[in-house]
C-alpha atoms as a PDB file:
ATOM      1  CA  UNK A   1     103.467  90.603 119.913  1.00  0.00           C
ATOM      2  CA  UNK A   2     107.098  91.907 118.879  1.00  0.00           C
ATOM      3  CA  UNK A   3     110.556  90.827 119.834  1.00  0.00           C
ATOM      4  CA  UNK A   4     111.679  93.942 121.932  1.00  0.00           C
ATOM      5  CA  UNK A   5     110.971  96.304 124.754  1.00  0.00           C
ATOM      6  CA  UNK A   6     110.531  99.136 122.338  1.00  0.00           C
ATOM      7  CA  UNK A   7     106.926  98.385 121.246  1.00  0.00           C
ATOM      8  CA  UNK A   8     105.715 100.063 118.017  1.00  0.00           C
ATOM      9  CA  UNK A   9     103.058 102.444 118.244  1.00  0.00           C
ATOM     10  CA  UNK A  10      99.656 101.893 116.742  1.00  0.00           C
ATOM     11  CA  UNK A  11      97.950 103.864 114.508  1.00  0.00           C
ATOM     12  CA  UNK A  12     100.633 106.083 113.710  1.00  0.00           C
ATOM     13  CA  UNK A  13     101.824 107.195 109.975  1.00  0.00           C
ATOM     14  CA  UNK A  14     104.840 106.456 107.933  1.00  0.00           C
ATOM     15  CA  UNK A  15     106.776 106.951 104.785  1.00  0.00           C
ATOM     16  CA  UNK A  16     108.528 104.913 102.347  1.00  0.00           C
ATOM     17  CA  UNK A  17     111.677 106.961 101.916  1.00  0.00           C
ATOM     18  CA  UNK A  18     115.235 106.669 100.184  1.00  0.00           C
ATOM     19  CA  UNK A  19     116.908 108.141 102.513  1.00  0.00           C
ATOM     20  CA  UNK A  20     116.500 109.522 106.361  1.00  0.00           C
ATOM     21  CA  UNK A  21     116.199 113.033 107.320  1.00  0.00           C
ATOM     22  CA  UNK A  22     118.652 114.356 110.191  1.00  0.00           C
ATOM     23  CA  UNK A  23     114.919 115.431 111.956  1.00  0.00           C
ATOM     24  CA  UNK A  24     113.117 112.047 111.321  1.00  0.00           C
ATOM     25  CA  UNK A  25     111.739 110.066 112.021  1.00  0.00           C
ATOM     26  CA  UNK A  26     109.357 111.816 114.636  1.00  0.00           C
ATOM     27  CA  UNK A  27     108.145 110.352 118.023  1.00  0.00           C
ATOM     28  CA  UNK A  28     105.999 107.328 117.023  1.00  0.00           C
ATOM     29  CA  UNK A  29     106.563 107.777 112.886  1.00  0.00           C
ATOM     30  CA  UNK A  30     107.495 104.365 110.900  1.00  0.00           C
ATOM     31  CA  UNK A  31     110.127 105.051 108.350  1.00  0.00           C
ATOM     32  CA  UNK A  32     110.982 102.080 105.717  1.00  0.00           C
ATOM     33  CA  UNK A  33     113.984 103.159 104.079  1.00  0.00           C
ATOM     34  CA  UNK A  34     114.313 101.395 100.424  1.00  0.00           C
ATOM     35  CA  UNK A  35     116.399 103.611  97.955  1.00  0.00           C
ATOM     36  CA  UNK A  36     115.505 101.564  94.961  1.00  0.00           C
ATOM     37  CA  UNK A  37     111.656 101.150  95.676  1.00  0.00           C
ATOM     38  CA  UNK A  38     111.298 104.586  97.078  1.00  0.00           C
ATOM     39  CA  UNK A  39     113.196 106.458  93.908  1.00  0.00           C
ATOM     40  CA  UNK A  40     110.447 104.406  91.219  1.00  0.00           C
ATOM     41  CA  UNK A  41     106.923 105.204  90.662  1.00  0.00           C
ATOM     42  CA  UNK A  42     104.417 102.936  92.864  1.00  0.00           C
ATOM     43  CA  UNK A  43     103.328 100.365  90.304  1.00  0.00           C
ATOM     44  CA  UNK A  44     106.734  99.935  88.443  1.00  0.00           C
ATOM     45  CA  UNK A  45     108.588  99.928  91.909  1.00  0.00           C
ATOM     46  CA  UNK A  46     106.176  96.896  93.018  1.00  0.00           C
ATOM     47  CA  UNK A  47     106.992  94.833  90.332  1.00  0.00           C
ATOM     48  CA  UNK A  48     110.523  95.713  89.329  1.00  0.00           C
ATOM     49  CA  UNK A  49     112.033  95.643  92.988  1.00  0.00           C
ATOM     50  CA  UNK A  50     110.765  92.264  93.738  1.00  0.00           C
ATOM     51  CA  UNK A  51     112.861  90.995  90.671  1.00  0.00           C
ATOM     52  CA  UNK A  52     116.646  90.383  91.319  1.00  0.00           C
ATOM     53  CA  UNK A  53     117.849  93.051  89.230  1.00  0.00           C
ATOM     54  CA  UNK A  54     120.420  95.437  90.455  1.00  0.00           C
ATOM     55  CA  UNK A  55     121.882  95.786  93.804  1.00  0.00           C
ATOM     56  CA  UNK A  56     118.599  96.907  96.078  1.00  0.00           C
ATOM     57  CA  UNK A  57     120.843  96.099  99.135  1.00  0.00           C
ATOM     58  CA  UNK A  58     123.534  97.310  98.289  1.00  0.00           C
ATOM     59  CA  UNK A  59     122.170 100.988  97.697  1.00  0.00           C
ATOM     60  CA  UNK A  60     120.375 100.233 100.874  1.00  0.00           C
ATOM     61  CA  UNK A  61     123.209  99.723 102.899  1.00  0.00           C
ATOM     62  CA  UNK A  62     125.113 102.534 101.384  1.00  0.00           C
ATOM     63  CA  UNK A  63     122.356 104.903 102.207  1.00  0.00           C
ATOM     64  CA  UNK A  64     122.605 103.573 106.125  1.00  0.00           C
ATOM     65  CA  UNK A  65     126.249 104.313 106.382  1.00  0.00           C
ATOM     66  CA  UNK A  66     126.931 106.346 109.107  1.00  0.00           C
ATOM     67  CA  UNK A  67     123.268 106.892 110.389  1.00  0.00           C
ATOM     68  CA  UNK A  68     122.696 106.625 114.428  1.00  0.00           C
ATOM     69  CA  UNK A  69     120.634 104.229 115.785  1.00  0.00           C
ATOM     70  CA  UNK A  70     116.882 105.332 115.390  1.00  0.00           C
ATOM     71  CA  UNK A  71     113.526 103.576 116.829  1.00  0.00           C
ATOM     72  CA  UNK A  72     111.505 104.131 114.062  1.00  0.00           C
ATOM     73  CA  UNK A  73     113.763 103.252 110.953  1.00  0.00           C
ATOM     74  CA  UNK A  74     113.299  99.668 109.079  1.00  0.00           C
ATOM     75  CA  UNK A  75     115.063  98.814 106.406  1.00  0.00           C
ATOM     76  CA  UNK A  76     113.306  97.462 103.425  1.00  0.00           C
ATOM     77  CA  UNK A  77     115.310  94.376 102.466  1.00  0.00           C
ATOM     78  CA  UNK A  78     115.368  92.321  99.283  1.00  0.00           C
ATOM     79  CA  UNK A  79     115.466  88.983 100.530  1.00  0.00           C
ATOM     80  CA  UNK A  80     116.333  87.218  97.563  1.00  0.00           C
ATOM     81  CA  UNK A  81     119.884  89.021  97.110  1.00  0.00           C
ATOM     82  CA  UNK A  82     121.894  87.099  94.765  1.00  0.00           C
ATOM     83  CA  UNK A  83     124.693  88.849  96.181  1.00  0.00           C
ATOM     84  CA  UNK A  84     124.977  88.525  99.814  1.00  0.00           C
ATOM     85  CA  UNK A  85     124.347  85.717 102.896  1.00  0.00           C
ATOM     86  CA  UNK A  86     121.646  85.801 105.220  1.00  0.00           C
ATOM     87  CA  UNK A  87     123.976  86.117 107.776  1.00  0.00           C
ATOM     88  CA  UNK A  88     125.725  89.068 106.577  1.00  0.00           C
ATOM     89  CA  UNK A  89     122.735  90.714 105.510  1.00  0.00           C
ATOM     90  CA  UNK A  90     121.762  90.734 109.310  1.00  0.00           C
ATOM     91  CA  UNK A  91     125.021  91.527 110.581  1.00  0.00           C
ATOM     92  CA  UNK A  92     125.237  94.753 108.734  1.00  0.00           C
ATOM     93  CA  UNK A  93     121.773  95.624 109.332  1.00  0.00           C
ATOM     94  CA  UNK A  94     123.033  95.470 113.162  1.00  0.00           C
ATOM     95  CA  UNK A  95     125.838  96.919 112.919  1.00  0.00           C
ATOM     96  CA  UNK A  96     124.187 100.250 111.310  1.00  0.00           C
ATOM     97  CA  UNK A  97     121.863 100.194 114.407  1.00  0.00           C
ATOM     98  CA  UNK A  98     118.292 100.064 112.598  1.00  0.00           C
ATOM     99  CA  UNK A  99     115.439  99.093 114.831  1.00  0.00           C
ATOM    100  CA  UNK A 100     113.944  96.340 112.475  1.00  0.00           C
ATOM    101  CA  UNK A 101     113.266  95.092 109.085  1.00  0.00           C
ATOM    102  CA  UNK A 102     110.728  94.315 106.508  1.00  0.00           C
ATOM    103  CA  UNK A 103     110.388  92.064 103.369  1.00  0.00           C
ATOM    104  CA  UNK A 104     110.262  95.053 101.058  1.00  0.00           C
ATOM    105  CA  UNK A 105     110.237  95.013  98.040  1.00  0.00           C
ATOM    106  CA  UNK A 106     108.265  91.427  98.431  1.00  0.00           C
ATOM    107  CA  UNK A 107     107.737  88.691  95.858  1.00  0.00           C
ATOM    108  CA  UNK A 108     104.202  88.417  97.751  1.00  0.00           C
ATOM    109  CA  UNK A 109     102.893  91.311  95.866  1.00  0.00           C
ATOM    110  CA  UNK A 110     103.264  89.310  92.682  1.00  0.00           C
ATOM    111  CA  UNK A 111     100.665  86.859  91.096  1.00  0.00           C
ATOM    112  CA  UNK A 112      99.987  84.512  88.028  1.00  0.00           C
ATOM    113  CA  UNK A 113     102.485  83.322  85.852  1.00  0.00           C
ATOM    114  CA  UNK A 114     104.918  85.947  87.130  1.00  0.00           C
ATOM    115  CA  UNK A 115     104.740  84.496  90.802  1.00  0.00           C
ATOM    116  CA  UNK A 116     104.877  80.982  89.404  1.00  0.00           C
ATOM    117  CA  UNK A 117     108.039  81.692  87.326  1.00  0.00           C
ATOM    118  CA  UNK A 118     109.916  83.224  90.243  1.00  0.00           C
ATOM    119  CA  UNK A 119     109.058  80.449  92.616  1.00  0.00           C
ATOM    120  CA  UNK A 120     110.003  77.701  90.316  1.00  0.00           C
ATOM    121  CA  UNK A 121     113.346  79.694  90.259  1.00  0.00           C
ATOM    122  CA  UNK A 122     113.336  79.908  94.047  1.00  0.00           C
ATOM    123  CA  UNK A 123     112.092  82.915  94.803  1.00  0.00           C
ATOM    124  CA  UNK A 124     109.428  82.296  97.536  1.00  0.00           C
ATOM    125  CA  UNK A 125     107.425  84.369 100.131  1.00  0.00           C
ATOM    126  CA  UNK A 126     107.943  81.621 102.597  1.00  0.00           C
ATOM    127  CA  UNK A 127     111.834  82.422 102.382  1.00  0.00           C
ATOM    128  CA  UNK A 128     110.990  86.120 103.337  1.00  0.00           C
ATOM    129  CA  UNK A 129     109.197  84.855 106.421  1.00  0.00           C
ATOM    130  CA  UNK A 130     112.040  82.824 106.959  1.00  0.00           C
ATOM    131  CA  UNK A 131     114.419  86.080 107.091  1.00  0.00           C
ATOM    132  CA  UNK A 132     112.665  87.811 109.053  1.00  0.00           C
ATOM    133  CA  UNK A 133     112.003  84.967 111.647  1.00  0.00           C
ATOM    134  CA  UNK A 134     116.061  85.003 111.848  1.00  0.00           C
ATOM    135  CA  UNK A 135     115.817  88.595 112.028  1.00  0.00           C
ATOM    136  CA  UNK A 136     113.957  88.564 115.183  1.00  0.00           C
ATOM    137  CA  UNK A 137     116.427  86.052 116.540  1.00  0.00           C
ATOM    138  CA  UNK A 138     118.808  88.902 116.303  1.00  0.00           C
ATOM    139  CA  UNK A 139     117.015  91.123 118.625  1.00  0.00           C
ATOM    140  CA  UNK A 140     115.401  93.282 115.449  1.00  0.00           C
ATOM    141  CA  UNK A 141     112.015  94.259 114.984  1.00  0.00           C
ATOM    142  CA  UNK A 142     110.197  92.505 112.192  1.00  0.00           C
ATOM    143  CA  UNK A 143     107.319  93.744 110.203  1.00  0.00           C
ATOM    144  CA  UNK A 144     105.916  91.858 107.392  1.00  0.00           C
ATOM    145  CA  UNK A 145     104.280  93.000 104.150  1.00  0.00           C
ATOM    146  CA  UNK A 146     101.399  90.932 103.249  1.00  0.00           C
ATOM    147  CA  UNK A 147      98.474  91.347 100.561  1.00  0.00           C
ATOM    148  CA  UNK A 148      95.913  88.588 101.096  1.00  0.00           C
ATOM    149  CA  UNK A 149      94.435  86.290 103.842  1.00  0.00           C
ATOM    150  CA  UNK A 150      97.092  83.325 103.231  1.00  0.00           C
ATOM    151  CA  UNK A 151      99.982  85.444 103.664  1.00  0.00           C
ATOM    152  CA  UNK A 152      98.506  86.914 106.665  1.00  0.00           C
ATOM    153  CA  UNK A 153      97.838  83.376 108.425  1.00  0.00           C
ATOM    154  CA  UNK A 154     101.686  82.741 107.492  1.00  0.00           C
ATOM    155  CA  UNK A 155     102.843  86.106 108.638  1.00  0.00           C
ATOM    156  CA  UNK A 156     101.294  85.181 112.175  1.00  0.00           C
ATOM    157  CA  UNK A 157     103.106  82.155 112.624  1.00  0.00           C
ATOM    158  CA  UNK A 158     106.491  83.947 112.568  1.00  0.00           C
ATOM    159  CA  UNK A 159     105.110  86.286 115.658  1.00  0.00           C
ATOM    160  CA  UNK A 160     106.156  89.852 113.989  1.00  0.00           C
ATOM    161  CA  UNK A 161     106.357  93.346 115.673  1.00  0.00           C
ATOM    162  CA  UNK A 162     104.081  94.598 113.022  1.00  0.00           C
ATOM    163  CA  UNK A 163     101.928  94.040 109.735  1.00  0.00           C
ATOM    164  CA  UNK A 164     101.738  95.931 106.592  1.00  0.00           C
ATOM    165  CA  UNK A 165      98.794  95.545 104.502  1.00  0.00           C
ATOM    166  CA  UNK A 166      99.882  96.539 100.828  1.00  0.00           C
ATOM    167  CA  UNK A 167      98.097  95.909  97.687  1.00  0.00           C
ATOM    168  CA  UNK A 168      99.028  93.743  94.980  1.00  0.00           C
ATOM    169  CA  UNK A 169     101.442  94.616  92.145  1.00  0.00           C
ATOM    170  CA  UNK A 170      98.348  94.258  89.534  1.00  0.00           C
ATOM    171  CA  UNK A 171      96.294  96.764  91.351  1.00  0.00           C
ATOM    172  CA  UNK A 172      95.515 100.023  89.682  1.00  0.00           C
ATOM    173  CA  UNK A 173      96.380 102.521  92.031  1.00  0.00           C
ATOM    174  CA  UNK A 174      94.893 105.816  89.859  1.00  0.00           C
ATOM    175  CA  UNK A 175      91.709 103.928  89.188  1.00  0.00           C
ATOM    176  CA  UNK A 176      89.878 105.359  92.132  1.00  0.00           C
ATOM    177  CA  UNK A 177      91.588 107.938  94.441  1.00  0.00           C
ATOM    178  CA  UNK A 178      88.879 107.910  96.674  1.00  0.00           C
ATOM    179  CA  UNK A 179      88.802 104.329  97.645  1.00  0.00           C
ATOM    180  CA  UNK A 180      91.063 101.616  98.682  1.00  0.00           C
ATOM    181  CA  UNK A 181      93.116  99.766  96.322  1.00  0.00           C
ATOM    182  CA  UNK A 182      91.514  96.406  95.231  1.00  0.00           C
ATOM    183  CA  UNK A 183      91.407  93.329  97.866  1.00  0.00           C
ATOM    184  CA  UNK A 184      93.088  95.478 100.794  1.00  0.00           C
ATOM    185  CA  UNK A 185      89.531  96.151 102.531  1.00  0.00           C
ATOM    186  CA  UNK A 186      89.239  92.182 102.955  1.00  0.00           C
ATOM    187  CA  UNK A 187      92.531  91.941 104.554  1.00  0.00           C
ATOM    188  CA  UNK A 188      92.257  94.982 106.614  1.00  0.00           C
ATOM    189  CA  UNK A 189      89.024  93.742 108.142  1.00  0.00           C
ATOM    190  CA  UNK A 190      90.899  90.135 109.038  1.00  0.00           C
ATOM    191  CA  UNK A 191      93.561  91.932 110.884  1.00  0.00           C
ATOM    192  CA  UNK A 192      91.249  94.190 112.843  1.00  0.00           C
ATOM    193  CA  UNK A 193      89.865  91.605 114.215  1.00  0.00           C
ATOM    194  CA  UNK A 194      92.858  90.243 115.835  1.00  0.00           C
ATOM    195  CA  UNK A 195      93.031  93.291 118.244  1.00  0.00           C
ATOM    196  CA  UNK A 196      96.587  93.166 119.347  1.00  0.00           C
ATOM    197  CA  UNK A 197      98.461  93.190 115.939  1.00  0.00           C
ATOM    198  CA  UNK A 198      99.957  96.478 115.094  1.00  0.00           C
ATOM    199  CA  UNK A 199      99.390  97.495 111.462  1.00  0.00           C
ATOM    200  CA  UNK A 200      99.775  99.859 108.695  1.00  0.00           C
ATOM    201  CA  UNK A 201      98.142 100.237 105.264  1.00  0.00           C
ATOM    202  CA  UNK A 202     100.604 101.058 102.466  1.00  0.00           C
ATOM    203  CA  UNK A 203      98.679 103.433  99.811  1.00  0.00           C
ATOM    204  CA  UNK A 204      99.981 105.038  96.632  1.00  0.00           C
ATOM    205  CA  UNK A 205     100.686 108.816  96.918  1.00  0.00           C
ATOM    206  CA  UNK A 206      97.923 109.549  94.553  1.00  0.00           C
ATOM    207  CA  UNK A 207      95.068 108.302  96.935  1.00  0.00           C
ATOM    208  CA  UNK A 208      92.818 111.201  98.440  1.00  0.00           C
ATOM    209  CA  UNK A 209      91.307 111.094 101.976  1.00  0.00           C
ATOM    210  CA  UNK A 210      91.254 107.410 102.538  1.00  0.00           C
ATOM    211  CA  UNK A 211      92.320 107.439 105.795  1.00  0.00           C
ATOM    212  CA  UNK A 212      88.730 107.275 106.871  1.00  0.00           C
ATOM    213  CA  UNK A 213      88.026 103.831 105.486  1.00  0.00           C
ATOM    214  CA  UNK A 214      90.939 102.312 107.534  1.00  0.00           C
ATOM    215  CA  UNK A 215      90.352 100.951 111.384  1.00  0.00           C
ATOM    216  CA  UNK A 216      91.265 103.314 113.768  1.00  0.00           C
ATOM    217  CA  UNK A 217      94.315 101.369 115.137  1.00  0.00           C
ATOM    218  CA  UNK A 218      95.946 101.164 111.464  1.00  0.00           C
ATOM    219  CA  UNK A 219      98.537 103.533 110.382  1.00  0.00           C
ATOM    220  CA  UNK A 220      99.376 104.665 106.608  1.00  0.00           C
ATOM    221  CA  UNK A 221     102.747 104.554 105.029  1.00  0.00           C
ATOM    222  CA  UNK A 222     102.673 106.451 101.931  1.00  0.00           C
ATOM    223  CA  UNK A 223     104.453 106.120  98.742  1.00  0.00           C
ATOM    224  CA  UNK A 224     104.650 109.719  97.436  1.00  0.00           C
ATOM    225  CA  UNK A 225     106.431 108.949  94.171  1.00  0.00           C
ATOM    226  CA  UNK A 226     109.940 109.450  93.149  1.00  0.00           C
ATOM    227  CA  UNK A 227     111.635 111.994  94.971  1.00  0.00           C
ATOM    228  CA  UNK A 228     112.365 115.420  93.517  1.00  0.00           C
ATOM    229  CA  UNK A 229     115.462 117.299  94.584  1.00  0.00           C
ATOM    230  CA  UNK A 230     116.898 120.836  93.955  1.00  0.00           C
ATOM    231  CA  UNK A 231     120.267 119.517  92.531  1.00  0.00           C
ATOM    232  CA  UNK A 232     118.850 116.987  90.049  1.00  0.00           C
ATOM    233  CA  UNK A 233     119.393 117.581  86.585  1.00  0.00           C
ATOM    234  CA  UNK A 234     116.586 119.398  84.774  1.00  0.00           C
ATOM    235  CA  UNK A 235     115.160 116.733  82.111  1.00  0.00           C
ATOM    236  CA  UNK A 236     116.244 117.129  78.554  1.00  0.00           C
ATOM    237  CA  UNK A 237     113.371 117.398  75.848  1.00  0.00           C
END
């Protein structure tokens, strides 16, 4: 699988970040940059970031300004961008030298009435796959966020460079930090049977040593929560 000569590395870990440090990514590491998603708590980011609010991609492109090309940096794109055309987004990514793109955040994380309402308004998971297919035609690697077996089957049809298995937005990340979030195990088992697919599991930062529950070829992408920086203002009480 994949669309480039520089294959992604199986079994390595990665991180969701709001900016890329000078010494990252390390060899083989997968870094997904999504300033809006990385700056919010896991459960809030999964829901709020999938909605067309604010300017998620504008913030992303600004964070990527001046970046040198890096083999492990993937741009987390909000595909349903109300401000930009697909071609313009892909042009901007290619100009900034990222290795690839991932549908992050994704409406695929949502279900029930919220998902139905978004689909009725034209915000569909299939559109995210179509965007990634166009990115592949531009020479970018693609990673697809999937949340269930149906999305896995749809993702494989576009022959992505990798798969990221993520829990749905309704999963409760704090319910059992020693176990995989609900629904992930079945999807990971299905991915493992494919054999030649490079895959990662996206886990909330509060999970403990659950790496042992993953197939050996599956890496881990963690969301450690909103960043804390020395120059952040002290909270007011």
